Amino acid sequence: MLFRRRPYTRTERPDMPVDEPHPAGSPRARLELRAIRALLDAQRRRVTAYAEHYGPGLPNPTPPASPASVPPTCQDVLDALPVAALLLTPVVGEDGEVRDIILLARNAVARAYAASRFPEDAVPPWTGPVPLFERIPSLASTAIPGMLAEAYHRRTPQQSDAVEWLVRTRSGPVRISVEVRIAPCGDHFLLTWEPGGRLRMATAAQQLVRTCWVEWNLADEGIQPSRGFRQVLGLAEEAPLPSLFDLAAAATPDSRSTLYQALYDVILRKRTTDCELRFGGGERVFRMVAEPVRIVPGGLVWALRAVLIDVTTDRRRREAAERAERDARREHERAEAVAEIADVLRDAVLPHFQDELETYGLEAAAVYRPDAPGAGVGGDWYKARGLPDGRLLVALGDARGHGLAAVTLMAKLRYALAGLAYTSQPVELLTQWLNEVACADARESTATAIIARYHPDLSVLRWTCAGHPRPVLLRDGRATQLPAPAGGPGLTLGVMPNTVYSATETPLETGDIVLMYSDGLTERRPADPDADTRRFLQAAECCFRETAPGAGHAGLQDYAERLVGHLDGPHRTDDATLLALRRTA
């Protein structure tokens, strides 16, 4: 049925912490609440005394004067209303239900509204009383029929926040959005509306920016809130409005001292001030900006007017940003500390060659580039050390991983090899022993390496390979990868104990350059070891053609730097090391 009784209900909202005051905890919290109560009570007494002393007395009843003129007509009363109004009368059926509504009259504001919103042909011209839904058919599908039925049966005013309908015109549909109120008026109804839903939009705006306002009367604790006050605070629609003392009781104990100071500044110092309030154990945070409302300029503060802004989300974002900043600062400090340790370790374990290999008829140059995204420390290492038997130990390795864990394994293997080399045992046995050292480590410790010994009297480099890229021989500008030992390259160090390694010998001619490098210098994604090797060989020959290595350590170092620069780039994700040995005699 069109006029069925449909009581208008507002959307329910869950109660927030403000609805239930925080229990008084420590003695200090109770004292702060008492102080706020005492401040408000004292101001109430001052305002009451002022009103009694300066306010007007009670009015004396006087007999009503006789009317001086004829009472206004119904139309005069309608036209006097400041809002658009329609006078309606119900048509009731035998069952007592409203069957139709007759539009009897409209006031000047309603006529002006219709003229401003609708073209002349959109609504039939006014000829007198007419069924409401015959004149404006689209109203039948709105909340208005139900509101009329409720007003008829309950004899109480009905109100709707928003009623919307469309009026079809030749130029297109016109959307109407108004706030409607229907009130019984004798045997008739008075339907009034305000255009544009200003109150509804104000409420929506308050919720959108999480802001509301309120005025607390300090004399009688009267409260005049904005329409979105309850929604912003998270109160239920039927919840009582909180007084200033209720606000203090609901706040967390650490907020009460700042609230007291704010109230003191507004009430006694007559200043505009602001403070931050937390509710529900700090889950909700509000910023309150308050100002005094005085009876006369410079006089007593009669009321407190405040704007409450929900800054919970902003505070959480700020706190998260501060935590992230602290974490980033700690991480930066840690990275700096690791980098400092790495610098010391590198200086301790990675030699800087000058002319110390001249007695062996060799020159050496090395370039080390740490992992770019890391802290400047990694697992690459190299070594060239003279042995008591007159031969030279040469090695280059790459310990698995990054950071201090990798450099710890690197240092362990490097120093273990230095000690093992003094046994004068063949390099294949040194490699086997070094593998046992890696396997004995409690952690997953693996590494690749080239272990070599140079015999200056024979000009022969005898070397083994443990899962590492094989050395490259640069002779007369042509680069070739050295053949693997018999049986192929050995297993990576630390994979399997009791592994046996084999060695191979490479005779060197005067001017030959042996290049040992780690895979971080050539590796690309996706991995292709053969393509990586070809890229290294091409780069070695290209740099030689551009400028042949000059004489002495400086010339060899320059060539090594140019070769690394040719291969390096933003693609690199691991340490990169190059060790160059040149036979001079």
Protein backbone atom coordinates (compact mmCIF):
# COMPACT_ATOMS: atom_id res chain seq x y z
CA MET A 1 0.00 0.00 0.00
CA LEU A 2 1.24 3.47 -0.86
CA PHE A 3 0.62 4.96 2.59
CA ARG A 4 1.86 2.04 4.71
CA ARG A 5 3.35 3.00 8.03
CA ARG A 6 7.12 3.09 7.67
CA PRO A 7 8.78 4.77 10.66
CA TYR A 8 11.85 6.70 9.63
CA THR A 9 15.02 5.32 11.26
CA ARG A 10 18.49 6.71 11.15
CA THR A 11 21.55 4.58 10.42
CA GLU A 12 22.94 3.06 13.60
CA ARG A 13 26.61 3.58 14.34
CA PRO A 14 28.79 1.57 16.73
CA ASP A 15 29.67 3.14 20.03
CA MET A 16 33.22 4.39 20.31
CA PRO A 17 35.38 4.67 23.43
CA VAL A 18 34.09 8.18 24.15
CA ASP A 19 30.72 6.63 25.00
CA GLU A 20 32.16 4.85 28.05
CA PRO A 21 34.31 7.01 30.35
CA HIS A 22 37.74 5.76 31.19
CA PRO A 23 37.70 4.51 34.80
CA ALA A 24 39.56 6.60 37.32
CA GLY A 25 42.86 4.90 37.89
CA SER A 26 45.68 6.32 39.94
CA PRO A 27 45.21 8.88 42.73
CA ARG A 28 46.72 11.48 40.40
CA ALA A 29 44.04 10.78 37.79
CA ARG A 30 41.30 11.17 40.41
CA LEU A 31 42.82 14.44 41.59
CA GLU A 32 42.90 15.79 38.04
CA LEU A 33 39.22 14.93 37.59
CA ARG A 34 38.38 16.68 40.87
CA ALA A 35 40.34 19.73 39.76
CA ILE A 36 38.38 19.90 36.50
CA ARG A 37 35.08 19.50 38.40
CA ALA A 38 36.09 22.25 40.83
CA LEU A 39 37.04 24.61 37.98
CA LEU A 40 33.68 24.08 36.22
CA ASP A 41 31.67 24.39 39.46
CA ALA A 42 33.43 27.63 40.39
CA GLN A 43 32.67 29.15 37.00
CA ARG A 44 29.05 28.04 37.26
CA ARG A 45 28.73 29.87 40.57
CA ARG A 46 30.29 32.99 39.08
CA VAL A 47 27.94 32.98 36.09
CA THR A 48 24.91 32.33 38.33
CA ALA A 49 25.87 35.20 40.66
CA TYR A 50 26.36 37.50 37.69
CA ALA A 51 22.94 36.59 36.27
CA GLU A 52 21.24 37.12 39.60
CA HIS A 53 22.89 40.52 40.08
CA TYR A 54 22.68 41.96 36.60
CA GLY A 55 19.98 39.92 34.87
CA PRO A 56 16.37 41.05 34.40
CA GLY A 57 13.78 40.08 37.00
CA LEU A 58 10.96 37.62 36.45
CA PRO A 59 8.20 38.94 34.19
CA ASN A 60 4.95 40.11 35.85
CA PRO A 61 1.87 38.41 34.43
CA THR A 62 -0.48 40.84 32.69
CA PRO A 63 -3.90 40.20 31.19
CA PRO A 64 -3.80 39.61 27.42
CA ALA A 65 -4.66 42.56 25.27
CA SER A 66 -7.74 42.37 23.08
CA PRO A 67 -7.00 41.76 19.38
CA ALA A 68 -6.53 44.94 17.44
CA SER A 69 -7.30 43.48 14.03
CA VAL A 70 -8.84 40.57 12.17
CA PRO A 71 -6.75 37.33 12.42
CA PRO A 72 -4.82 36.47 9.26
CA THR A 73 -6.12 33.97 6.78
CA CYS A 74 -4.66 30.52 6.29
CA GLN A 75 -2.82 31.70 3.17
CA ASP A 76 -1.38 34.66 5.09
CA VAL A 77 0.00 32.30 7.73
CA LEU A 78 1.52 30.02 5.06
CA ASP A 79 3.12 32.96 3.26
CA ALA A 80 4.63 34.13 6.55
CA LEU A 81 6.66 30.92 6.89
CA PRO A 82 10.35 31.36 5.90
CA VAL A 83 10.52 27.87 4.34
CA ALA A 84 8.65 26.25 1.47
CA ALA A 85 5.34 24.81 2.74
CA LEU A 86 2.37 22.85 1.40
CA LEU A 87 -0.98 22.47 3.19
CA LEU A 88 -2.30 18.93 2.70
CA THR A 89 -5.41 17.05 3.73
CA PRO A 90 -5.68 13.24 3.90
CA VAL A 91 -8.31 11.13 2.17
CA VAL A 92 -9.03 8.25 4.56
CA GLY A 93 -10.66 4.99 3.56
CA GLU A 94 -13.19 2.94 5.52
CA ASP A 95 -10.34 0.89 7.03
CA GLY A 96 -8.83 4.02 8.58
CA GLU A 97 -5.85 4.08 6.24
CA VAL A 98 -4.77 7.08 4.18
CA ARG A 99 -5.80 6.51 0.56
CA ASP A 100 -4.80 9.80 -1.00
CA ILE A 101 -3.49 13.26 -0.19
CA ILE A 102 -5.00 16.48 -1.47
CA LEU A 103 -2.79 19.54 -1.97
CA LEU A 104 -4.87 22.48 -0.68
CA ALA A 105 -2.44 25.40 -0.78
CA ARG A 106 1.21 26.38 -1.08
CA ASN A 107 3.04 29.38 0.25
CA ALA A 108 5.06 32.08 -1.54
CA VAL A 109 8.42 30.36 -0.86
CA ALA A 110 7.14 27.10 -2.40
CA ARG A 111 5.86 28.95 -5.46
CA ALA A 112 9.20 30.76 -5.87
CA TYR A 113 11.12 27.47 -5.45
CA ALA A 114 9.03 25.77 -8.14
CA ALA A 115 9.48 28.71 -10.50
CA SER A 116 13.26 28.66 -10.02
CA ARG A 117 13.68 24.88 -10.38
CA PHE A 118 11.12 23.81 -13.01
CA PRO A 119 10.35 25.06 -16.51
CA GLU A 120 6.80 26.29 -17.02
CA ASP A 121 5.72 23.06 -18.75
CA ALA A 122 7.14 20.71 -16.10
CA VAL A 123 4.27 21.12 -13.58
CA PRO A 124 0.64 21.80 -14.50
CA PRO A 125 -0.56 25.35 -13.74
CA TRP A 126 -2.19 25.83 -10.35
CA THR A 127 -6.01 25.74 -10.57
CA GLY A 128 -6.87 24.88 -6.99
CA PRO A 129 -6.83 21.80 -4.73
CA VAL A 130 -5.51 18.73 -6.50
CA PRO A 131 -4.25 15.23 -5.50
CA LEU A 132 -0.59 15.65 -4.53
CA PHE A 133 0.67 12.60 -6.46
CA GLU A 134 -1.33 13.56 -9.51
CA ARG A 135 0.42 16.91 -9.62
CA ILE A 136 3.87 15.48 -8.84
CA PRO A 137 3.75 11.72 -9.63
CA SER A 138 7.40 11.02 -8.75
CA LEU A 139 6.74 11.83 -5.07
CA ALA A 140 4.85 8.54 -4.75
CA SER A 141 8.11 6.54 -4.85
CA THR A 142 9.79 8.55 -2.09
CA ALA A 143 9.57 8.36 1.71
CA ILE A 144 6.81 10.97 1.78
CA PRO A 145 3.79 8.54 1.63
CA GLY A 146 5.13 6.60 4.61
CA MET A 147 5.83 9.80 6.53
CA LEU A 148 2.27 11.01 5.88
CA ALA A 149 0.83 7.71 7.16
CA GLU A 150 2.96 7.91 10.31
CA ALA A 151 2.01 11.53 10.93
CA TYR A 152 -1.70 10.66 10.52
CA HIS A 153 -1.68 7.68 12.87
CA ARG A 154 0.76 8.93 15.47
CA ARG A 155 -0.22 12.60 15.32
CA THR A 156 3.49 13.47 15.70
CA PRO A 157 5.82 15.33 13.33
CA GLN A 158 7.89 13.21 10.95
CA GLN A 159 11.24 14.26 9.51
CA SER A 160 13.55 12.85 6.85
CA ASP A 161 17.15 13.86 6.30
CA ALA A 162 16.93 13.45 2.54
CA VAL A 163 14.11 12.97 0.07
CA GLU A 164 15.05 12.82 -3.60
CA TRP A 165 13.01 12.57 -6.77
CA LEU A 166 13.19 13.47 -10.45
CA VAL A 167 10.94 15.80 -12.38
CA ARG A 168 10.98 15.17 -16.14
CA THR A 169 11.16 18.23 -18.38
CA ARG A 170 11.74 18.81 -22.07
CA SER A 171 15.32 19.89 -21.34
CA GLY A 172 16.02 16.79 -19.25
CA PRO A 173 15.34 15.42 -15.77
CA VAL A 174 15.64 17.78 -12.80
CA ARG A 175 16.94 16.18 -9.59
CA ILE A 176 15.36 17.42 -6.37
CA SER A 177 17.06 16.75 -3.02
CA VAL A 178 15.42 18.29 0.04
CA GLU A 179 14.96 17.76 3.77
CA VAL A 180 11.27 17.20 4.49
CA ARG A 181 9.23 17.68 7.66
CA ILE A 182 5.55 16.72 7.95
CA ALA A 183 3.58 17.93 10.97
CA PRO A 184 -0.11 17.47 11.84
CA CYS A 185 -2.01 20.78 11.67
CA GLY A 186 -5.55 20.21 12.96
CA ASP A 187 -7.19 17.89 10.43
CA HIS A 188 -4.53 18.78 7.89
CA PHE A 189 -0.79 18.30 7.39
CA LEU A 190 1.86 20.94 6.93
CA LEU A 191 4.68 19.69 4.69
CA THR A 192 7.78 21.90 4.75
CA TRP A 193 11.17 21.45 3.15
CA GLU A 194 14.52 23.11 2.87
CA PRO A 195 16.26 22.93 -0.49
CA GLY A 196 19.68 21.46 -1.10
CA GLY A 197 19.93 19.28 2.01
CA ARG A 198 22.13 21.86 3.71
CA LEU A 199 21.99 20.21 7.11
CA ARG A 200 22.64 16.79 5.62
CA MET A 201 25.56 18.11 3.60
CA ALA A 202 26.94 19.83 6.69
CA THR A 203 26.76 16.54 8.58
CA ALA A 204 28.41 14.67 5.72
CA ALA A 205 31.11 17.33 5.49
CA GLN A 206 31.83 17.01 9.21
CA GLN A 207 32.19 13.25 8.91
CA LEU A 208 34.30 13.61 5.77
CA VAL A 209 36.88 15.87 7.45
CA ARG A 210 36.28 14.28 10.89
CA THR A 211 35.47 17.65 12.44
CA CYS A 212 32.57 18.82 14.63
CA TRP A 213 31.82 21.76 16.90
CA VAL A 214 29.92 22.35 20.12
CA GLU A 215 29.12 25.06 22.64
CA TRP A 216 28.97 24.17 26.33
CA ASN A 217 26.96 26.54 28.57
CA LEU A 218 28.89 26.90 31.81
CA ALA A 219 25.88 28.03 33.83
CA ASP A 220 23.44 25.16 33.31
CA GLU A 221 25.59 22.61 31.41
CA GLY A 222 23.45 23.10 28.31
CA ILE A 223 25.03 21.73 25.14
CA GLN A 224 24.54 23.01 21.60
CA PRO A 225 26.34 20.62 19.24
CA SER A 226 26.76 20.61 15.49
CA ARG A 227 24.64 18.05 13.69
CA GLY A 228 27.59 15.69 13.15
CA PHE A 229 28.84 15.93 16.74
CA ARG A 230 27.81 12.42 17.80
CA GLN A 231 28.94 10.80 14.57
CA VAL A 232 32.42 12.34 14.68
CA LEU A 233 32.87 11.39 18.35
CA GLY A 234 31.62 7.89 17.59
CA LEU A 235 28.56 8.13 19.84
CA ALA A 236 25.32 6.30 19.23
CA GLU A 237 22.50 8.45 17.87
CA GLU A 238 20.53 8.17 21.13
CA ALA A 239 23.52 8.60 23.45
CA PRO A 240 23.41 11.60 25.81
CA LEU A 241 25.59 14.52 24.84
CA PRO A 242 28.77 14.62 26.92
CA SER A 243 29.36 17.55 29.22
CA LEU A 244 32.85 18.97 29.72
CA PHE A 245 33.24 16.81 32.81
CA ASP A 246 32.06 13.74 30.85
CA LEU A 247 34.70 14.56 28.26
CA ALA A 248 37.36 14.70 30.98
CA ALA A 249 36.18 11.41 32.49
CA ALA A 250 36.31 9.68 29.11
CA ALA A 251 39.81 10.94 28.30
CA THR A 252 42.92 8.97 29.15
CA PRO A 253 44.66 10.08 32.36
CA ASP A 254 47.58 11.58 30.46
CA SER A 255 45.12 13.88 28.58
CA ARG A 256 43.44 15.35 31.66
CA SER A 257 46.23 17.69 32.67
CA THR A 258 46.29 19.25 29.20
CA LEU A 259 42.46 19.51 29.23
CA TYR A 260 42.56 21.22 32.62
CA GLN A 261 45.12 23.72 31.33
CA ALA A 262 42.96 24.41 28.27
CA LEU A 263 39.84 24.96 30.39
CA TYR A 264 41.79 27.23 32.72
CA ASP A 265 43.05 29.32 29.78
CA VAL A 266 39.58 29.67 28.26
CA ILE A 267 37.52 30.22 31.44
CA LEU A 268 39.86 32.31 33.60
CA ARG A 269 42.41 33.77 31.20
CA LYS A 270 39.77 34.24 28.49
CA ARG A 271 42.09 32.99 25.77
CA THR A 272 41.63 30.84 22.71
CA THR A 273 43.66 27.66 23.15
CA ASP A 274 44.00 24.10 21.92
CA CYS A 275 44.90 20.71 23.35
CA GLU A 276 45.08 17.05 22.36
CA LEU A 277 42.69 14.51 23.89
CA ARG A 278 42.96 10.74 23.76
CA PHE A 279 40.06 8.36 24.36
CA GLY A 280 39.70 4.60 24.73
CA GLY A 281 43.24 3.96 25.91
CA GLY A 282 44.66 6.21 23.20
CA GLU A 283 42.87 4.52 20.29
CA ARG A 284 41.13 7.77 19.32
CA VAL A 285 42.93 11.12 19.28
CA PHE A 286 41.19 14.50 18.96
CA ARG A 287 42.53 18.02 18.73
CA MET A 288 40.27 20.49 20.52
CA VAL A 289 40.44 24.21 19.71
CA ALA A 290 38.38 26.21 22.24
CA GLU A 291 37.45 29.86 22.69
CA PRO A 292 35.54 31.79 25.38
CA VAL A 293 31.98 33.04 24.81
CA ARG A 294 31.47 36.15 26.94
CA ILE A 295 28.33 37.81 28.24
CA VAL A 296 29.69 41.24 27.26
CA PRO A 297 33.01 42.14 25.61
CA GLY A 298 35.75 41.73 28.20
CA GLY A 299 33.28 40.31 30.70
CA LEU A 300 32.63 36.95 32.30
CA VAL A 301 32.96 33.77 30.23
CA TRP A 302 29.44 32.36 29.90
CA ALA A 303 30.14 29.43 27.58
CA LEU A 304 32.95 27.52 25.93
CA ARG A 305 32.85 27.04 22.16
CA ALA A 306 35.08 24.33 20.69
CA VAL A 307 35.96 22.59 17.47
CA LEU A 308 36.92 18.91 17.78
CA ILE A 309 39.06 17.38 15.03
CA ASP A 310 39.65 13.63 14.83
CA VAL A 311 43.39 13.38 14.15
CA THR A 312 43.68 9.65 14.90
CA THR A 313 44.69 8.70 11.37
CA ASP A 314 47.11 11.61 11.08
CA ARG A 315 48.76 10.72 14.40
CA ARG A 316 49.10 7.09 13.42
CA ARG A 317 50.68 8.08 10.13
CA ARG A 318 53.02 10.47 11.87
CA GLU A 319 53.96 7.87 14.49
CA ALA A 320 54.51 5.28 11.74
CA ALA A 321 56.68 7.76 9.84
CA GLU A 322 58.67 8.51 13.00
CA ARG A 323 59.15 4.78 13.65
CA ALA A 324 60.25 4.28 10.06
CA GLU A 325 62.66 7.20 10.38
CA ARG A 326 64.11 5.77 13.60
CA ASP A 327 64.45 2.34 12.00
CA ALA A 328 66.10 3.87 8.93
CA ARG A 329 68.48 5.85 11.14
CA ARG A 330 69.42 2.71 13.09
CA GLU A 331 69.86 0.77 9.85
CA HIS A 332 72.01 3.57 8.45
CA GLU A 333 74.15 3.60 11.61
CA ARG A 334 74.45 -0.18 11.45
CA ALA A 335 75.42 -0.02 7.78
CA GLU A 336 78.03 2.63 8.55
CA ALA A 337 79.42 0.46 11.36
CA VAL A 338 79.51 -2.59 9.07
CA ALA A 339 81.15 -0.54 6.34
CA GLU A 340 83.76 0.71 8.77
CA ILE A 341 84.48 -2.85 9.90
CA ALA A 342 84.57 -3.92 6.27
CA ASP A 343 87.12 -1.25 5.41
CA VAL A 344 89.37 -2.41 8.23
CA LEU A 345 88.97 -6.06 7.24
CA ARG A 346 89.65 -5.33 3.56
CA ASP A 347 92.77 -3.39 4.38
CA ALA A 348 93.87 -6.29 6.60
CA VAL A 349 93.22 -9.16 4.20
CA LEU A 350 93.47 -7.72 0.68
CA PRO A 351 97.04 -6.83 -0.28
CA HIS A 352 98.03 -3.69 -2.17
CA PHE A 353 100.70 -4.64 -4.71
CA GLN A 354 103.51 -2.33 -5.70
CA ASP A 355 106.86 -3.83 -6.66
CA GLU A 356 107.14 -6.60 -4.07
CA LEU A 357 106.91 -9.38 -6.70
CA GLU A 358 109.89 -8.19 -8.77
CA THR A 359 112.13 -10.87 -7.26
CA TYR A 360 109.85 -13.52 -8.78
CA GLY A 361 109.95 -11.90 -12.21
CA LEU A 362 106.30 -10.85 -11.94
CA GLU A 363 104.15 -7.72 -11.64
CA ALA A 364 100.71 -7.81 -10.00
CA ALA A 365 97.65 -5.53 -10.01
CA ALA A 366 94.30 -6.01 -8.33
CA VAL A 367 90.91 -4.30 -8.50
CA TYR A 368 88.16 -5.00 -5.95
CA ARG A 369 84.60 -3.66 -6.26
CA PRO A 370 82.30 -4.53 -3.35
CA ASP A 371 78.66 -5.43 -3.79
CA ALA A 372 77.05 -2.10 -4.85
CA PRO A 373 73.80 -2.39 -2.78
CA GLY A 374 75.64 -3.78 0.25
CA ALA A 375 77.82 -2.25 2.91
CA GLY A 376 81.10 -2.44 0.98
CA VAL A 377 82.11 -5.85 2.27
CA GLY A 378 81.85 -9.29 0.70
CA GLY A 379 83.42 -12.69 0.28
CA ASP A 380 85.92 -12.07 -2.56
CA TRP A 381 89.59 -12.42 -1.65
CA TYR A 382 92.96 -12.77 -3.31
CA LYS A 383 96.52 -13.45 -2.21
CA ALA A 384 100.08 -13.40 -3.56
CA ARG A 385 102.75 -14.39 -1.04
CA GLY A 386 106.32 -15.58 -1.31
CA LEU A 387 107.11 -18.95 0.26
CA PRO A 388 110.32 -20.11 1.97
CA ASP A 389 111.13 -22.47 -0.91
CA GLY A 390 111.40 -19.50 -3.31
CA ARG A 391 108.08 -20.07 -5.02
CA LEU A 392 105.03 -17.77 -4.98
CA LEU A 393 101.54 -18.63 -3.65
CA VAL A 394 98.79 -17.04 -5.77
CA ALA A 395 95.09 -17.47 -5.02
CA LEU A 396 91.71 -15.87 -5.68
CA GLY A 397 88.44 -16.98 -4.07
CA ASP A 398 84.79 -16.11 -3.59
CA ALA A 399 83.08 -17.04 -0.30
CA ARG A 400 79.34 -17.63 -0.47
CA GLY A 401 77.00 -14.86 0.73
CA HIS A 402 77.28 -11.18 1.56
CA GLY A 403 78.16 -8.98 4.51
CA LEU A 404 80.13 -9.91 7.59
CA ALA A 405 79.21 -13.61 7.39
CA ALA A 406 80.86 -13.86 3.97
CA VAL A 407 83.90 -11.85 5.00
CA THR A 408 84.34 -14.04 8.09
CA LEU A 409 84.45 -17.18 5.93
CA MET A 410 86.73 -15.41 3.47
CA ALA A 411 89.21 -14.48 6.22
CA LYS A 412 89.12 -18.01 7.63
CA LEU A 413 89.94 -19.62 4.27
CA ARG A 414 92.55 -17.03 3.36
CA TYR A 415 94.50 -17.39 6.57
CA ALA A 416 94.11 -21.18 6.55
CA LEU A 417 95.62 -21.29 3.06
CA ALA A 418 98.50 -19.05 4.13
CA GLY A 419 99.39 -21.50 6.88
CA LEU A 420 98.90 -24.62 4.77
CA ALA A 421 101.13 -23.26 2.00
CA TYR A 422 104.17 -23.37 4.29
CA THR A 423 104.00 -27.16 4.21
CA SER A 424 105.40 -27.02 0.63
CA GLN A 425 102.81 -29.62 -0.38
CA PRO A 426 101.41 -29.58 -3.96
CA VAL A 427 98.56 -27.16 -4.68
CA GLU A 428 96.07 -30.00 -5.24
CA LEU A 429 96.69 -31.16 -1.66
CA LEU A 430 96.43 -27.59 -0.35
CA THR A 431 93.04 -27.30 -2.10
CA GLN A 432 91.89 -30.59 -0.58
CA TRP A 433 92.86 -29.43 2.92
CA LEU A 434 91.16 -26.08 2.36
CA ASN A 435 87.99 -27.96 1.38
CA GLU A 436 88.13 -29.83 4.71
CA VAL A 437 88.37 -26.50 6.56
CA ALA A 438 85.23 -25.25 4.78
CA CYS A 439 83.36 -28.52 5.39
CA ALA A 440 84.21 -28.43 9.10
CA ASP A 441 82.52 -25.03 9.54
CA ALA A 442 79.30 -25.34 11.56
CA ARG A 443 77.39 -23.08 9.17
CA GLU A 444 76.68 -23.67 5.52
CA SER A 445 80.06 -22.44 4.28
CA THR A 446 80.94 -22.82 0.64
CA ALA A 447 83.40 -20.98 -1.56
CA THR A 448 85.02 -21.16 -4.96
CA ALA A 449 88.72 -20.61 -5.54
CA ILE A 450 91.75 -20.80 -7.82
CA ILE A 451 94.79 -22.01 -5.86
CA ALA A 452 98.13 -21.62 -7.69
CA ARG A 453 101.86 -21.73 -7.10
CA TYR A 454 104.29 -19.95 -9.43
CA HIS A 455 107.72 -21.51 -10.04
CA PRO A 456 110.00 -18.62 -11.10
CA ASP A 457 112.87 -20.88 -12.08
CA LEU A 458 110.61 -22.71 -14.56
CA SER A 459 108.26 -19.78 -15.38
CA VAL A 460 105.38 -22.19 -14.78
CA LEU A 461 102.06 -21.54 -13.01
CA ARG A 462 100.67 -24.70 -11.43
CA TRP A 463 97.05 -24.31 -10.38
CA THR A 464 93.79 -26.02 -9.30
CA CYS A 465 90.18 -24.96 -9.72
CA ALA A 466 87.45 -25.44 -7.07
CA GLY A 467 84.23 -24.46 -8.82
CA HIS A 468 85.66 -21.09 -9.90
CA PRO A 469 85.88 -19.42 -13.36
CA ARG A 470 89.16 -20.62 -14.92
CA PRO A 471 91.99 -18.09 -15.38
CA VAL A 472 92.46 -16.27 -18.71
CA LEU A 473 95.82 -15.94 -20.48
CA LEU A 474 96.38 -12.68 -22.39
CA ARG A 475 99.27 -13.20 -24.86
CA ASP A 476 100.09 -10.68 -27.58
CA GLY A 477 96.65 -9.12 -27.23
CA ARG A 478 94.75 -12.39 -27.61
CA ALA A 479 92.75 -13.69 -24.65
CA THR A 480 92.08 -17.41 -24.11
CA GLN A 481 90.67 -19.30 -21.17
CA LEU A 482 93.16 -21.78 -19.73
CA PRO A 483 92.26 -25.47 -20.13
CA ALA A 484 90.82 -27.15 -17.03
CA PRO A 485 92.91 -29.64 -15.05
CA ALA A 486 92.56 -33.32 -15.87
CA GLY A 487 89.11 -34.48 -14.86
CA GLY A 488 87.65 -30.97 -15.16
CA PRO A 489 87.19 -28.26 -12.52
CA GLY A 490 86.89 -29.58 -8.97
CA LEU A 491 83.92 -29.23 -6.62
CA THR A 492 83.21 -25.99 -4.79
CA LEU A 493 84.92 -25.84 -1.39
CA GLY A 494 82.73 -26.92 1.54
CA VAL A 495 80.34 -29.11 -0.48
CA MET A 496 81.72 -32.59 0.22
CA PRO A 497 84.59 -33.71 2.46
CA ASN A 498 87.40 -35.94 1.18
CA THR A 499 87.17 -34.45 -2.29
CA VAL A 500 90.27 -34.96 -4.44
CA TYR A 501 91.46 -32.12 -6.70
CA SER A 502 93.83 -32.22 -9.68
CA ALA A 503 96.22 -29.56 -10.93
CA THR A 504 97.46 -28.36 -14.30
CA GLU A 505 100.54 -26.36 -15.39
CA THR A 506 100.66 -23.26 -17.57
CA PRO A 507 104.07 -22.09 -18.90
CA LEU A 508 104.35 -18.29 -19.08
CA GLU A 509 106.32 -16.27 -21.63
CA THR A 510 107.70 -12.80 -21.09
CA GLY A 511 104.85 -10.28 -21.38
CA ASP A 512 102.12 -12.85 -20.73
CA ILE A 513 99.32 -11.65 -18.43
CA VAL A 514 97.26 -14.11 -16.37
CA LEU A 515 93.81 -12.76 -15.38
CA MET A 516 91.98 -14.31 -12.44
CA TYR A 517 88.52 -12.93 -11.64
CA SER A 518 85.37 -13.61 -9.62
CA ASP A 519 82.07 -14.33 -11.34
CA GLY A 520 80.55 -11.11 -9.97
CA LEU A 521 82.50 -9.25 -12.67
CA THR A 522 80.87 -11.10 -15.58
CA GLU A 523 77.62 -12.58 -14.28
CA ARG A 524 74.32 -11.44 -15.83
CA ARG A 525 70.72 -12.50 -15.42
CA PRO A 526 69.71 -15.03 -16.64
CA ALA A 527 72.91 -16.89 -15.86
CA ASP A 528 74.93 -18.25 -18.82
CA PRO A 529 78.53 -19.14 -17.82
CA ASP A 530 79.68 -19.60 -21.44
CA ALA A 531 78.32 -16.20 -22.44
CA ASP A 532 79.93 -14.67 -19.33
CA THR A 533 83.32 -16.13 -20.35
CA ARG A 534 83.02 -14.86 -23.92
CA ARG A 535 82.12 -11.41 -22.61
CA PHE A 536 85.26 -11.37 -20.43
CA LEU A 537 87.52 -12.51 -23.28
CA GLN A 538 86.15 -9.86 -25.64
CA ALA A 539 86.53 -7.14 -23.01
CA ALA A 540 90.14 -8.18 -22.27
CA GLU A 541 91.11 -8.00 -25.95
CA CYS A 542 89.16 -4.76 -26.51
CA CYS A 543 90.93 -2.97 -23.65
CA PHE A 544 94.29 -4.26 -24.91
CA ARG A 545 93.62 -2.93 -28.41
CA GLU A 546 92.54 0.45 -27.10
CA THR A 547 95.69 0.88 -25.03
CA ALA A 548 98.20 -1.88 -24.41
CA PRO A 549 99.24 -2.23 -20.75
CA GLY A 550 102.13 0.10 -19.99
CA ALA A 551 105.35 -0.87 -18.28
CA GLY A 552 105.60 -1.33 -14.54
CA HIS A 553 102.98 -1.79 -11.86
CA ALA A 554 101.18 1.45 -12.77
CA GLY A 555 100.69 0.35 -16.39
CA LEU A 556 99.28 -3.03 -15.36
CA GLN A 557 97.05 -1.41 -12.73
CA ASP A 558 95.66 1.00 -15.32
CA TYR A 559 94.82 -1.89 -17.64
CA ALA A 560 93.08 -3.79 -14.81
CA GLU A 561 91.04 -0.70 -13.87
CA ARG A 562 89.94 -0.19 -17.49
CA LEU A 563 88.96 -3.84 -17.87
CA VAL A 564 86.84 -3.82 -14.71
CA GLY A 565 85.24 -0.53 -15.76
CA HIS A 566 84.38 -2.05 -19.15
CA LEU A 567 82.56 -5.01 -17.52
CA ASP A 568 81.07 -3.31 -14.46
CA GLY A 569 77.67 -1.63 -14.37
CA PRO A 570 74.32 -1.31 -12.56
CA HIS A 571 73.51 -4.93 -13.43
CA ARG A 572 76.10 -6.19 -10.94
CA THR A 573 74.70 -7.81 -7.78
CA ASP A 574 77.85 -9.34 -6.29
CA ASP A 575 81.43 -8.45 -5.42
CA ALA A 576 83.77 -8.17 -8.41
CA THR A 577 87.49 -8.88 -8.20
CA LEU A 578 90.26 -8.98 -10.80
CA LEU A 579 93.86 -10.13 -10.14
CA ALA A 580 96.35 -9.59 -12.98
CA LEU A 581 99.85 -11.19 -13.03
CA ARG A 582 102.40 -10.25 -15.73
CA ARG A 583 105.70 -12.04 -16.33
CA THR A 584 108.47 -9.50 -16.75
CA ALA A 585 111.52 -11.75 -16.91
